[in-house]
Protein backbone atom coordinates (compact mmCIF):
# COMPACT_ATOMS: atom_id res chain seq x y z
CA MET A 1 19.58 -7.39 -13.07
CA ASN A 2 18.44 -4.56 -10.79
CA ASP A 3 18.38 -4.44 -7.28
CA PHE A 4 14.40 -5.79 -7.29
CA GLY A 5 15.50 -9.08 -10.04
CA MET A 6 13.91 -7.46 -13.35
CA ASN A 7 16.53 -6.55 -16.72
CA ASP A 8 16.45 -3.37 -17.83
CA ILE A 9 14.44 -4.92 -21.48
CA ALA A 10 11.43 -5.55 -19.21
CA THR A 11 11.52 -2.70 -17.35
CA GLN A 12 11.54 -0.62 -20.24
CA GLN A 13 8.84 -2.54 -21.94
CA ALA A 14 6.49 -1.85 -18.74
CA GLN A 15 7.38 1.62 -18.54
CA GLU A 16 6.18 2.30 -21.75
CA HIS A 17 2.54 0.12 -21.88
CA TYR A 18 2.45 2.01 -18.18
CA TRP A 19 2.57 5.33 -20.45
CA GLN A 20 0.66 4.30 -22.89
CA LEU A 21 -2.33 3.49 -20.67
CA VAL A 22 -1.87 6.53 -18.68
CA SER A 23 -1.60 8.83 -22.13
CA ALA A 24 -5.38 7.11 -22.79
CA LEU A 25 -6.97 8.61 -20.30
CA PRO A 26 -8.69 11.09 -21.23
CA LYS A 27 -8.26 13.18 -17.53
CA PHE A 28 -5.91 11.66 -15.34
CA ALA A 29 -7.62 9.79 -12.15
CA VAL A 30 -5.98 7.28 -9.54
CA PHE A 31 -8.15 4.45 -7.54
CA GLY A 32 -6.93 4.17 -4.31
CA TYR A 33 -8.01 0.55 -2.32
CA GLY A 34 -5.57 0.03 -0.06
CA SER A 35 -2.87 2.42 1.70
CA LEU A 36 -3.02 5.41 -1.11
CA ILE A 37 -6.89 6.16 0.41
CA TRP A 38 -5.06 7.15 4.05
CA GLN A 39 -1.07 7.91 2.23
CA PRO A 40 -1.90 8.87 -1.09
CA GLY A 41 1.09 11.21 -1.43
CA PHE A 42 0.13 13.54 -3.84
CA GLU A 43 -1.73 16.78 -4.40
CA PHE A 44 -5.41 16.07 -6.02
CA ILE A 45 -7.81 18.17 -6.64
CA ASP A 46 -11.32 15.97 -4.91
CA GLN A 47 -11.96 12.37 -3.77
CA HIS A 48 -14.76 10.40 -3.89
CA LEU A 49 -15.95 6.80 -3.01
CA ALA A 50 -15.80 4.63 -5.78
CA THR A 51 -16.84 1.32 -7.00
CA ILE A 52 -15.20 -0.80 -9.16
CA HIS A 53 -16.71 -4.05 -10.73
CA GLY A 54 -14.45 -7.62 -11.86
CA TYR A 55 -12.02 -6.44 -9.17
CA HIS A 56 -11.55 -7.09 -5.87
CA ARG A 57 -9.35 -5.98 -2.88
CA ARG A 58 -6.62 -9.07 -1.67
CA PHE A 59 -3.54 -9.28 0.42
CA GLY A 60 -2.05 -10.94 -2.04
CA LEU A 61 1.54 -10.09 -3.16
CA LEU A 62 4.51 -11.16 -1.15
CA SER A 63 6.28 -7.35 0.49
CA THR A 64 10.21 -8.50 1.01
CA HIS A 65 11.00 -4.44 1.44
CA TYR A 66 8.52 -1.96 2.88
CA ARG A 67 6.71 -3.87 4.97
CA GLY A 68 8.73 -7.27 5.22
CA THR A 69 12.20 -9.00 4.51
CA PRO A 70 13.14 -11.81 2.79
CA GLU A 71 13.53 -14.20 5.55
CA HIS A 72 10.36 -12.70 7.20
CA PRO A 73 7.90 -11.05 4.06
CA GLY A 74 4.43 -9.25 4.54
CA LEU A 75 1.77 -9.24 2.63
CA VAL A 76 0.22 -5.78 1.33
CA LEU A 77 -2.93 -5.24 -1.62
CA GLY A 78 -3.46 -5.14 -4.54
CA LEU A 79 -6.29 -5.79 -6.87
CA ASP A 80 -7.07 -9.43 -7.95
CA LEU A 81 -9.27 -10.77 -10.77
CA ALA A 82 -13.61 -11.41 -9.94
CA GLY A 83 -15.86 -9.38 -7.65
CA HIS A 84 -16.26 -6.18 -6.91
CA CYS A 85 -14.39 -3.15 -4.57
CA GLN A 86 -15.19 0.11 -3.11
CA GLY A 87 -12.34 2.71 -3.32
CA VAL A 88 -11.45 5.77 -3.71
CA LEU A 89 -11.02 8.10 -6.87
CA PHE A 90 -9.27 10.78 -7.10
CA THR A 91 -8.99 13.27 -9.63
CA ILE A 92 -5.91 15.51 -10.60
CA THR A 93 -5.34 18.81 -12.22
CA PRO A 94 -3.66 17.95 -15.56
CA ALA A 95 -0.62 20.50 -14.57
CA LYS A 96 0.00 18.08 -12.15
CA ALA A 97 -0.63 14.36 -13.98
CA LYS A 98 2.56 13.59 -15.40
CA ASP A 99 4.30 14.35 -12.02
CA ILE A 100 1.75 12.39 -10.71
CA ALA A 101 2.09 9.66 -12.87
CA GLN A 102 5.79 9.58 -12.65
CA TYR A 103 5.41 9.15 -8.96
CA LEU A 104 2.85 6.28 -8.78
CA TRP A 105 5.67 3.70 -11.20
CA GLU A 106 7.85 4.68 -8.38
CA ARG A 107 5.69 3.87 -5.20
CA GLU A 108 4.01 1.42 -7.29
CA MET A 109 5.88 -0.65 -9.63
CA VAL A 110 8.91 -1.41 -8.03
CA GLY A 111 9.64 -5.15 -8.71
CA LEU A 112 6.95 -5.04 -11.45
CA ALA A 113 5.04 -6.92 -9.25
CA TYR A 114 1.90 -5.55 -10.21
CA ARG A 115 0.21 -4.96 -13.31
CA PRO A 116 -1.23 -1.13 -14.01
CA ILE A 117 -4.91 -1.30 -15.68
CA ILE A 118 -7.43 1.51 -16.59
CA VAL A 119 -10.54 0.95 -14.01
CA MET A 120 -14.02 2.55 -14.86
CA ALA A 121 -14.68 3.93 -10.60
CA ARG A 122 -17.99 4.21 -10.78
CA THR A 123 -19.08 7.28 -8.00
CA THR A 124 -20.86 10.10 -7.25
CA MET A 125 -20.64 13.87 -7.53
CA LEU A 126 -23.26 16.50 -7.53
CA GLU A 127 -25.92 13.76 -7.02
CA ARG A 128 -25.17 12.32 -10.41
CA ASN A 129 -24.12 9.06 -10.74
CA PHE A 130 -21.01 8.61 -13.62
CA SER A 131 -18.07 5.92 -14.33
CA MET A 132 -14.65 7.51 -14.92
CA PRO A 133 -11.69 5.86 -15.96
CA ALA A 134 -9.10 5.81 -14.28
CA LEU A 135 -5.41 4.35 -13.28
CA SER A 136 -4.70 1.60 -10.69
CA PHE A 137 -2.98 -1.53 -9.70
CA ALA A 138 -3.81 -5.24 -9.84
CA LEU A 139 -1.61 -7.95 -8.78
CA ASP A 140 0.15 -10.02 -11.45
CA GLN A 141 -0.73 -13.50 -11.07
CA SER A 142 2.35 -15.00 -13.03
CA HIS A 143 5.25 -12.74 -11.00
CA HIS A 144 7.39 -14.62 -7.98
CA GLN A 145 5.63 -12.32 -5.13
CA PHE A 146 1.81 -13.28 -6.47
CA GLN A 147 0.19 -15.61 -3.59
CA GLY A 148 -2.71 -17.61 -4.90
CA GLN A 149 -5.86 -17.55 -2.41
CA LEU A 150 -4.29 -17.89 0.85
CA SER A 151 -6.77 -18.72 3.94
CA LEU A 152 -6.96 -15.72 6.41
CA GLN A 153 -5.72 -17.83 8.58
CA GLU A 154 -2.26 -17.84 6.50
CA THR A 155 -2.75 -14.53 5.04
CA TYR A 156 -2.51 -13.02 9.43
CA LYS A 157 0.28 -15.44 10.32
CA TYR A 158 2.52 -13.07 7.55
CA ILE A 159 0.62 -9.85 8.68
CA ALA A 160 1.23 -10.77 12.50
CA GLY A 161 5.67 -11.09 12.04
CA ALA A 162 6.51 -8.74 9.50
CA TRP A 163 8.13 -5.74 9.88
CA GLY A 164 9.89 -3.33 6.65
CA ARG A 165 11.98 -0.78 5.62
CA ASN A 166 7.99 1.44 6.64
CA GLY A 167 7.28 -0.15 9.21
CA SER A 168 5.80 -3.59 10.49
CA ASN A 169 3.07 -5.22 8.27
CA ILE A 170 -0.14 -4.66 10.91
CA THR A 171 0.66 -1.12 10.64
CA TYR A 172 -0.31 -1.54 7.80
CA LEU A 173 -3.48 -3.47 8.26
CA GLN A 174 -4.66 -1.46 11.00
CA SER A 175 -4.08 2.11 8.82
CA THR A 176 -6.38 0.77 5.86
CA ARG A 177 -9.00 -0.75 8.06
CA GLN A 178 -9.06 3.07 9.47
CA ALA A 179 -9.31 4.22 6.40
CA LEU A 180 -12.14 2.02 5.48
CA HIS A 181 -13.94 2.25 8.19
CA GLN A 182 -13.48 6.04 8.56
CA ARG A 183 -15.65 6.14 4.50
CA GLY A 184 -18.17 3.84 5.71
CA ILE A 185 -16.21 1.13 3.56
CA ILE A 186 -16.48 -2.38 5.08
CA ASP A 187 -14.97 -5.36 3.95
CA GLU A 188 -15.23 -8.44 5.28
CA ASP A 189 -12.03 -9.96 4.94
CA ILE A 190 -10.18 -6.98 6.74
CA GLU A 191 -12.36 -6.68 9.46
CA TYR A 192 -11.18 -10.19 9.98
CA LEU A 193 -7.62 -9.51 9.74
CA TYR A 194 -8.45 -6.15 11.59
CA GLN A 195 -9.78 -7.83 14.37
CA GLU A 196 -7.30 -11.21 14.73
CA SER A 197 -4.56 -7.36 15.06
CA ILE A 198 -6.51 -6.24 18.46
CA LYS A 199 -6.64 -9.24 19.76
CA GLN A 200 -2.85 -9.67 19.72
CA PHE A 201 -1.83 -5.97 19.72
CA GLY A 202 -4.34 -4.10 20.88
CA GLY A 203 -5.05 -0.68 18.68
CA ASP A 204 -8.72 0.91 18.37
CA ASP A 205 -11.28 1.97 15.46
CA ASN A 206 -9.68 5.99 15.44
CA ARG A 207 -5.95 4.70 16.41
CA PRO A 208 -3.66 2.44 14.62
CA HIS A 209 -1.28 0.74 15.91
CA LEU A 210 1.84 2.60 15.78
CA ASP A 211 5.82 1.35 15.75
CA LEU A 212 7.98 4.19 13.80
CA PRO A 213 8.84 6.70 16.55
CA ASN A 214 8.60 10.53 16.53
CA ASP A 215 11.02 10.91 18.16
CA LYS A 216 13.32 14.16 16.69
CA CYS A 217 16.72 13.20 15.43
CA ASN A 218 19.52 14.24 17.74
CA GLN A 219 21.07 15.37 15.11
CA CYS A 220 19.45 16.61 12.33
CA GLN A 221 15.79 17.56 14.10
CA GLN A 222 13.66 15.39 10.88
CA THR A 223 11.14 12.81 12.69
CA GLN A 224 10.92 11.04 10.20
CA TRP A 225 12.61 7.48 10.69
CA ARG A 226 12.60 3.51 9.12
CA ILE A 227 13.05 -0.29 10.45
CA ALA A 228 17.10 -1.20 9.93
CA ARG A 229 16.25 -4.15 12.04
CA ARG A 230 14.90 -6.02 14.86
CA HIS A 231 15.54 -9.00 17.40
CA ASP A 232 12.63 -10.74 19.40
CA ASN A 233 12.79 -12.69 22.34
CA ALA A 234 10.99 -13.49 25.01
CA GLN A 235 10.95 -10.23 26.91
CA LYS A 236 10.98 -7.36 24.95
CA THR A 237 11.83 -6.65 21.12
CA THR A 238 14.62 -3.87 20.24
CA ILE A 239 14.16 -2.13 17.17
CA ASN A 240 16.96 -0.49 15.66
CA TYR A 241 15.84 3.04 13.26
CA LEU A 242 17.98 5.63 11.14
CA CYS A 243 17.83 8.26 10.59
CA GLU A 244 15.62 8.83 6.66
CA ASN A 245 17.86 12.49 6.75
CA CYS A 246 20.94 11.90 8.37
CA GLU A 247 21.39 8.26 8.84
CA ASN A 248 21.47 8.98 12.64
CA PRO A 249 20.74 5.86 14.69
CA LEU A 250 18.10 5.16 17.37
CA VAL A 251 17.53 2.49 19.09
CA MET A 252 14.60 1.58 20.93
CA GLU A 253 13.03 -1.19 23.34
CA TYR A 254 9.15 -2.70 23.40
């Protein structure tokens, strides 16, 4: 059993299936619908607005690591069955395809809470409409972190109170909405949740609510931090950060 509750056999089988899907693509491409749009983390040749059918974007996966904790889980996005979804199609050079596919496995398949899938992404290039198969990630409805049809009010309660290793769930929500908005994509559920977050936490269309500091570490001079601990009381919130490079602590009060 690994750190995320998955046995080695299940992980191996899932990884074999993943690479079969990747190998079947005539050209390696990725369809992003959430954080991949605003933080892809890989090099790509180009990106295009695209639409897929048969899936829709939804906050349907509990996050107990990156955007929440086991005690106060957050929610992250996934593709769920039915409907359609507008997102971004990333095209990738063949020379980098294997490395990027490995990166996406390590990023998206932690705990095997997603199902890697091939979607047909309809887009426009050079004034021509066409469909292109692409790798994406759907919610696994059999996984223990999957959340069924939560109301938007229930969804927001999860998001508003959750912080994880990569920051607050509110930042995840607002960054996603900002990225969609900049590309002319309107997702009514995301809009509702975003407006609720603005009422409570502030922010605007050009600057999402930020919670990770830009301060330089006084030991190694790096500026990459992760949240180690959060403490709330009636007057303030205290957050303990650790430098990603050297583990040096930083404490800030809000």
